[in-house]
Amino acid sequence: MKKHLNNNITILVAEDDIFSYVLIKEFLNETVSIILHAENGKQAIEIFKENVSVDLVLMDIKLPVINGLEAIREIKKIRNNIPIIIQSAYILSKEQKSILNSDRIDYLSKPFNKTELLDKINNYLPLS
């Protein structure tokens, strides 16, 4: 069964690796109406502030300028109920694992496939 997200979904992808971003965009292409891209944590915060329609954030941890954890803290100050899926190829430290205890924050280990990504998103945004 092919899964499709509601067409009115906006996802912010904070990813500095262009190849990872292109892959994520390809995975979401048929399911998300708007995909916003931030190349660093500072940009992710700015884009989130400017786009109140963001429904979910995919956040890489190892980002330049401001790392993913700090960006998550700032985004949660703006809108605490926003679902955030951390995506990382690295083993999480104790500090990083502690943020997973926060409300509506999840984790997806890289590399992941399309089904894994859509299943994680489905936990927060119903698939149609």
N, C-alpha and C. Protein backbone atom coordinates (compact mmCIF):
# COMPACT_ATOMS: atom_id res chain seq x y z
N MET A 1 0.84 -1.18 0.00
CA MET A 1 0.00 0.00 0.00
C MET A 1 0.89 1.25 0.00
N LYS A 2 0.65 2.13 -0.91
CA LYS A 2 1.42 3.36 -1.00
C LYS A 2 0.85 4.38 -0.01
N LYS A 3 1.73 4.99 0.77
CA LYS A 3 1.29 5.95 1.77
C LYS A 3 1.45 7.36 1.23
N HIS A 4 0.43 8.14 1.45
CA HIS A 4 0.48 9.55 1.05
C HIS A 4 0.11 10.41 2.24
N LEU A 5 0.86 11.45 2.46
CA LEU A 5 0.53 12.41 3.50
C LEU A 5 -0.50 13.39 2.96
N ASN A 6 -1.17 14.02 3.88
CA ASN A 6 -2.08 15.10 3.54
C ASN A 6 -1.31 16.13 2.71
N ASN A 7 -1.88 16.60 1.64
CA ASN A 7 -1.19 17.52 0.74
C ASN A 7 -0.93 18.90 1.32
N ASN A 8 -1.50 19.20 2.47
CA ASN A 8 -1.30 20.51 3.08
C ASN A 8 -0.18 20.49 4.12
N ILE A 9 0.71 19.54 4.03
CA ILE A 9 1.79 19.37 4.99
C ILE A 9 3.02 20.19 4.58
N THR A 10 3.62 20.86 5.57
CA THR A 10 4.88 21.57 5.37
C THR A 10 5.91 20.99 6.32
N ILE A 11 7.03 20.56 5.77
CA ILE A 11 8.11 19.99 6.58
C ILE A 11 9.38 20.80 6.36
N LEU A 12 10.02 21.14 7.48
CA LEU A 12 11.31 21.81 7.45
C LEU A 12 12.39 20.76 7.63
N VAL A 13 13.29 20.66 6.65
CA VAL A 13 14.40 19.71 6.71
C VAL A 13 15.68 20.49 6.98
N ALA A 14 16.27 20.26 8.17
CA ALA A 14 17.53 20.89 8.52
C ALA A 14 18.63 19.87 8.28
N GLU A 15 19.34 20.04 7.18
CA GLU A 15 20.34 19.06 6.74
C GLU A 15 21.43 19.78 5.95
N ASP A 16 22.67 19.66 6.41
CA ASP A 16 23.77 20.36 5.72
C ASP A 16 24.37 19.54 4.58
N ASP A 17 24.16 18.23 4.59
CA ASP A 17 24.69 17.38 3.53
C ASP A 17 23.70 17.37 2.36
N ILE A 18 24.10 17.92 1.23
CA ILE A 18 23.18 18.07 0.10
C ILE A 18 22.66 16.73 -0.41
N PHE A 19 23.49 15.69 -0.37
CA PHE A 19 23.04 14.38 -0.85
C PHE A 19 21.96 13.81 0.06
N SER A 20 22.13 13.99 1.37
CA SER A 20 21.10 13.53 2.32
C SER A 20 19.81 14.31 2.11
N TYR A 21 19.94 15.62 1.91
CA TYR A 21 18.75 16.44 1.68
C TYR A 21 18.01 16.02 0.42
N VAL A 22 18.74 15.81 -0.66
CA VAL A 22 18.11 15.40 -1.93
C VAL A 22 17.38 14.06 -1.76
N LEU A 23 17.99 13.13 -1.02
CA LEU A 23 17.35 11.84 -0.77
C LEU A 23 16.06 12.01 0.04
N ILE A 24 16.12 12.80 1.10
CA ILE A 24 14.93 13.05 1.92
C ILE A 24 13.85 13.72 1.08
N LYS A 25 14.24 14.70 0.27
CA LYS A 25 13.28 15.39 -0.59
C LYS A 25 12.62 14.40 -1.55
N GLU A 26 13.41 13.49 -2.10
CA GLU A 26 12.87 12.46 -3.00
C GLU A 26 11.87 11.57 -2.26
N PHE A 27 12.21 11.18 -1.03
CA PHE A 27 11.31 10.35 -0.21
C PHE A 27 9.98 11.06 0.05
N LEU A 28 10.03 12.38 0.23
CA LEU A 28 8.84 13.14 0.60
C LEU A 28 8.11 13.76 -0.59
N ASN A 29 8.73 13.71 -1.74
CA ASN A 29 8.24 14.43 -2.92
C ASN A 29 6.77 14.20 -3.22
N GLU A 30 6.30 12.98 -3.15
CA GLU A 30 4.90 12.67 -3.49
C GLU A 30 3.95 12.88 -2.33
N THR A 31 4.48 13.13 -1.14
CA THR A 31 3.64 13.12 0.05
C THR A 31 3.51 14.45 0.77
N VAL A 32 4.37 15.39 0.48
CA VAL A 32 4.39 16.66 1.20
C VAL A 32 4.27 17.80 0.21
N SER A 33 3.41 18.77 0.51
CA SER A 33 3.21 19.86 -0.44
C SER A 33 4.35 20.87 -0.40
N ILE A 34 4.92 21.15 0.80
CA ILE A 34 6.00 22.12 0.89
C ILE A 34 7.14 21.54 1.71
N ILE A 35 8.35 21.57 1.14
CA ILE A 35 9.55 21.14 1.84
C ILE A 35 10.48 22.35 1.91
N LEU A 36 10.77 22.78 3.13
CA LEU A 36 11.68 23.90 3.35
C LEU A 36 13.03 23.33 3.73
N HIS A 37 14.11 23.96 3.30
CA HIS A 37 15.45 23.43 3.56
C HIS A 37 16.31 24.44 4.30
N ALA A 38 16.92 23.98 5.38
CA ALA A 38 17.91 24.78 6.12
C ALA A 38 19.23 24.04 6.07
N GLU A 39 20.31 24.76 5.80
CA GLU A 39 21.64 24.14 5.71
C GLU A 39 22.40 24.20 7.02
N ASN A 40 21.86 24.92 8.01
CA ASN A 40 22.50 24.98 9.32
C ASN A 40 21.43 25.28 10.37
N GLY A 41 21.83 25.17 11.64
CA GLY A 41 20.87 25.35 12.71
C GLY A 41 20.30 26.75 12.81
N LYS A 42 21.14 27.75 12.55
CA LYS A 42 20.67 29.14 12.59
C LYS A 42 19.61 29.38 11.53
N GLN A 43 19.87 28.89 10.35
CA GLN A 43 18.90 29.01 9.26
C GLN A 43 17.60 28.28 9.59
N ALA A 44 17.70 27.11 10.24
CA ALA A 44 16.51 26.34 10.62
C ALA A 44 15.63 27.17 11.56
N ILE A 45 16.23 27.81 12.53
CA ILE A 45 15.48 28.65 13.48
C ILE A 45 14.81 29.81 12.73
N GLU A 46 15.56 30.47 11.86
CA GLU A 46 15.02 31.62 11.11
C GLU A 46 13.87 31.19 10.20
N ILE A 47 14.05 30.09 9.48
CA ILE A 47 13.00 29.61 8.57
C ILE A 47 11.76 29.22 9.38
N PHE A 48 11.97 28.58 10.54
CA PHE A 48 10.84 28.19 11.39
C PHE A 48 10.07 29.43 11.87
N LYS A 49 10.78 30.47 12.29
CA LYS A 49 10.14 31.70 12.75
C LYS A 49 9.31 32.35 11.64
N GLU A 50 9.81 32.27 10.40
CA GLU A 50 9.16 32.93 9.27
C GLU A 50 8.01 32.12 8.66
N ASN A 51 7.91 30.86 9.03
CA ASN A 51 6.91 29.97 8.41
C ASN A 51 6.07 29.30 9.48
N VAL A 52 5.00 29.96 9.88
CA VAL A 52 4.13 29.42 10.93
C VAL A 52 3.40 28.16 10.49
N SER A 53 3.44 27.86 9.19
CA SER A 53 2.73 26.68 8.67
C SER A 53 3.54 25.39 8.78
N VAL A 54 4.76 25.45 9.31
CA VAL A 54 5.57 24.22 9.43
C VAL A 54 4.85 23.25 10.36
N ASP A 55 4.66 22.01 9.87
CA ASP A 55 3.96 20.98 10.63
C ASP A 55 4.90 20.02 11.34
N LEU A 56 6.13 19.89 10.84
CA LEU A 56 7.09 18.94 11.40
C LEU A 56 8.48 19.36 10.97
N VAL A 57 9.47 19.07 11.82
CA VAL A 57 10.86 19.39 11.52
C VAL A 57 11.67 18.10 11.51
N LEU A 58 12.45 17.91 10.46
CA LEU A 58 13.47 16.85 10.42
C LEU A 58 14.80 17.53 10.69
N MET A 59 15.46 17.16 11.78
CA MET A 59 16.64 17.89 12.23
C MET A 59 17.87 16.99 12.31
N ASP A 60 18.88 17.34 11.52
CA ASP A 60 20.18 16.69 11.68
C ASP A 60 20.83 17.25 12.93
N ILE A 61 21.61 16.45 13.63
CA ILE A 61 22.27 16.90 14.86
C ILE A 61 23.54 17.68 14.56
N LYS A 62 24.36 17.16 13.64
CA LYS A 62 25.66 17.77 13.34
C LYS A 62 25.50 18.82 12.25
N LEU A 63 25.07 20.01 12.67
CA LEU A 63 24.88 21.12 11.74
C LEU A 63 25.90 22.21 12.03
N PRO A 64 26.32 22.94 11.00
CA PRO A 64 27.22 24.08 11.22
C PRO A 64 26.49 25.28 11.81
N VAL A 65 27.23 26.26 12.25
CA VAL A 65 26.79 27.54 12.82
C VAL A 65 26.13 27.31 14.18
N ILE A 66 24.96 26.71 14.20
CA ILE A 66 24.29 26.30 15.44
C ILE A 66 23.95 24.82 15.28
N ASN A 67 24.35 23.98 16.24
CA ASN A 67 24.10 22.55 16.09
C ASN A 67 22.61 22.23 16.23
N GLY A 68 22.25 21.03 15.85
CA GLY A 68 20.86 20.61 15.84
C GLY A 68 20.19 20.65 17.20
N LEU A 69 20.90 20.29 18.26
CA LEU A 69 20.32 20.31 19.60
C LEU A 69 19.93 21.72 20.03
N GLU A 70 20.82 22.67 19.79
CA GLU A 70 20.52 24.06 20.15
C GLU A 70 19.37 24.58 19.30
N ALA A 71 19.35 24.22 18.03
CA ALA A 71 18.25 24.64 17.15
C ALA A 71 16.92 24.07 17.64
N ILE A 72 16.93 22.82 18.10
CA ILE A 72 15.71 22.21 18.64
C ILE A 72 15.23 23.01 19.86
N ARG A 73 16.15 23.33 20.76
CA ARG A 73 15.78 24.10 21.96
C ARG A 73 15.13 25.43 21.59
N GLU A 74 15.70 26.11 20.60
CA GLU A 74 15.16 27.41 20.19
C GLU A 74 13.81 27.26 19.48
N ILE A 75 13.68 26.26 18.65
CA ILE A 75 12.41 26.02 17.95
C ILE A 75 11.32 25.67 18.95
N LYS A 76 11.65 24.85 19.95
CA LYS A 76 10.66 24.48 20.97
C LYS A 76 10.23 25.69 21.82
N LYS A 77 11.10 26.69 21.96
CA LYS A 77 10.72 27.93 22.66
C LYS A 77 9.68 28.69 21.86
N ILE A 78 9.77 28.60 20.54
CA ILE A 78 8.83 29.30 19.66
C ILE A 78 7.49 28.58 19.65
N ARG A 79 7.53 27.25 19.49
CA ARG A 79 6.30 26.45 19.46
C ARG A 79 6.60 25.07 20.04
N ASN A 80 6.27 24.91 21.30
CA ASN A 80 6.63 23.70 22.03
C ASN A 80 6.00 22.42 21.48
N ASN A 81 4.84 22.53 20.85
CA ASN A 81 4.14 21.32 20.40
C ASN A 81 4.55 20.84 19.00
N ILE A 82 5.52 21.49 18.38
CA ILE A 82 5.96 21.07 17.04
C ILE A 82 6.67 19.72 17.12
N PRO A 83 6.26 18.75 16.31
CA PRO A 83 6.99 17.48 16.29
C PRO A 83 8.33 17.63 15.57
N ILE A 84 9.37 17.07 16.18
CA ILE A 84 10.71 17.12 15.61
C ILE A 84 11.26 15.71 15.57
N ILE A 85 11.74 15.31 14.39
CA ILE A 85 12.40 14.02 14.24
C ILE A 85 13.87 14.28 14.01
N ILE A 86 14.68 13.85 14.98
CA ILE A 86 16.13 13.97 14.86
C ILE A 86 16.59 12.87 13.91
N GLN A 87 17.42 13.24 12.95
CA GLN A 87 17.99 12.24 12.05
C GLN A 87 19.50 12.39 12.12
N SER A 88 20.15 11.26 12.43
CA SER A 88 21.60 11.33 12.62
C SER A 88 22.25 9.99 12.29
N ALA A 89 23.46 10.08 11.76
CA ALA A 89 24.25 8.87 11.48
C ALA A 89 25.15 8.53 12.66
N TYR A 90 25.14 9.39 13.67
CA TYR A 90 26.05 9.22 14.80
C TYR A 90 25.32 8.68 16.02
N ILE A 91 26.05 7.98 16.87
CA ILE A 91 25.49 7.51 18.13
C ILE A 91 25.25 8.74 19.00
N LEU A 92 24.07 8.78 19.60
CA LEU A 92 23.72 9.94 20.41
C LEU A 92 24.44 9.92 21.75
N SER A 93 24.88 11.10 22.18
CA SER A 93 25.50 11.25 23.50
C SER A 93 24.40 11.25 24.56
N LYS A 94 24.80 11.26 25.83
CA LYS A 94 23.82 11.32 26.92
C LYS A 94 22.96 12.57 26.81
N GLU A 95 23.60 13.71 26.51
CA GLU A 95 22.86 14.96 26.37
C GLU A 95 21.85 14.87 25.23
N GLN A 96 22.29 14.29 24.11
CA GLN A 96 21.39 14.17 22.97
C GLN A 96 20.24 13.21 23.27
N LYS A 97 20.53 12.12 23.97
CA LYS A 97 19.48 11.16 24.33
C LYS A 97 18.46 11.80 25.27
N SER A 98 18.92 12.70 26.15
CA SER A 98 18.01 13.32 27.11
C SER A 98 16.95 14.16 26.41
N ILE A 99 17.28 14.74 25.27
CA ILE A 99 16.30 15.55 24.55
C ILE A 99 15.17 14.68 23.98
N LEU A 100 15.44 13.39 23.79
CA LEU A 100 14.40 12.49 23.30
C LEU A 100 13.28 12.30 24.31
N ASN A 101 13.53 12.64 25.57
CA ASN A 101 12.49 12.58 26.59
C ASN A 101 11.54 13.76 26.50
N SER A 102 11.86 14.74 25.69
CA SER A 102 11.01 15.91 25.51
C SER A 102 9.78 15.53 24.70
N ASP A 103 8.76 16.33 24.86
CA ASP A 103 7.49 16.09 24.18
C ASP A 103 7.63 16.23 22.66
N ARG A 104 7.14 15.25 21.95
CA ARG A 104 7.05 15.25 20.48
C ARG A 104 8.41 15.35 19.79
N ILE A 105 9.41 14.69 20.38
CA ILE A 105 10.72 14.59 19.74
C ILE A 105 11.02 13.11 19.56
N ASP A 106 11.43 12.75 18.35
CA ASP A 106 11.69 11.36 18.01
C ASP A 106 13.06 11.27 17.34
N TYR A 107 13.49 10.06 17.03
CA TYR A 107 14.83 9.83 16.48
C TYR A 107 14.76 8.83 15.34
N LEU A 108 15.51 9.09 14.30
CA LEU A 108 15.63 8.20 13.16
C LEU A 108 17.11 8.09 12.80
N SER A 109 17.62 6.88 12.84
CA SER A 109 19.05 6.64 12.59
C SER A 109 19.33 6.57 11.09
N LYS A 110 20.35 7.31 10.65
CA LYS A 110 20.79 7.24 9.25
C LYS A 110 21.70 6.03 9.08
N PRO A 111 21.68 5.36 7.98
CA PRO A 111 20.79 5.61 6.84
C PRO A 111 19.40 5.02 7.10
N PHE A 112 18.39 5.66 6.57
CA PHE A 112 17.03 5.15 6.68
C PHE A 112 16.42 5.09 5.29
N ASN A 113 15.34 4.33 5.17
CA ASN A 113 14.68 4.23 3.87
C ASN A 113 13.36 5.02 3.90
N LYS A 114 12.71 5.07 2.77
CA LYS A 114 11.49 5.86 2.63
C LYS A 114 10.41 5.38 3.60
N THR A 115 10.24 4.08 3.72
CA THR A 115 9.21 3.53 4.60
C THR A 115 9.47 3.92 6.04
N GLU A 116 10.72 3.83 6.49
CA GLU A 116 11.06 4.20 7.87
C GLU A 116 10.75 5.67 8.12
N LEU A 117 11.10 6.52 7.17
CA LEU A 117 10.85 7.95 7.32
C LEU A 117 9.35 8.24 7.38
N LEU A 118 8.59 7.68 6.44
CA LEU A 118 7.14 7.93 6.42
C LEU A 118 6.46 7.35 7.66
N ASP A 119 6.93 6.22 8.15
CA ASP A 119 6.36 5.65 9.38
C ASP A 119 6.59 6.58 10.57
N LYS A 120 7.79 7.15 10.68
CA LYS A 120 8.08 8.10 11.77
C LYS A 120 7.18 9.32 11.66
N ILE A 121 7.06 9.87 10.45
CA ILE A 121 6.23 11.04 10.24
C ILE A 121 4.78 10.73 10.58
N ASN A 122 4.34 9.52 10.22
CA ASN A 122 2.97 9.10 10.48
C ASN A 122 2.64 9.09 11.97
N ASN A 123 3.63 8.96 12.83
CA ASN A 123 3.38 9.03 14.28
C ASN A 123 2.86 10.39 14.70
N TYR A 124 3.13 11.42 13.90
CA TYR A 124 2.76 12.79 14.26
C TYR A 124 1.77 13.43 13.29
N LEU A 125 1.87 13.05 12.02
CA LEU A 125 1.00 13.59 10.98
C LEU A 125 0.35 12.42 10.27
N PRO A 126 -0.96 12.25 10.42
CA PRO A 126 -1.63 11.07 9.86
C PRO A 126 -1.47 10.95 8.34
N LEU A 127 -1.16 9.75 7.91
CA LEU A 127 -1.11 9.45 6.47
C LEU A 127 -2.53 9.22 5.99
N SER A 128 -2.80 9.61 4.77
CA SER A 128 -4.16 9.38 4.24
C SER A 128 -4.17 8.15 3.35
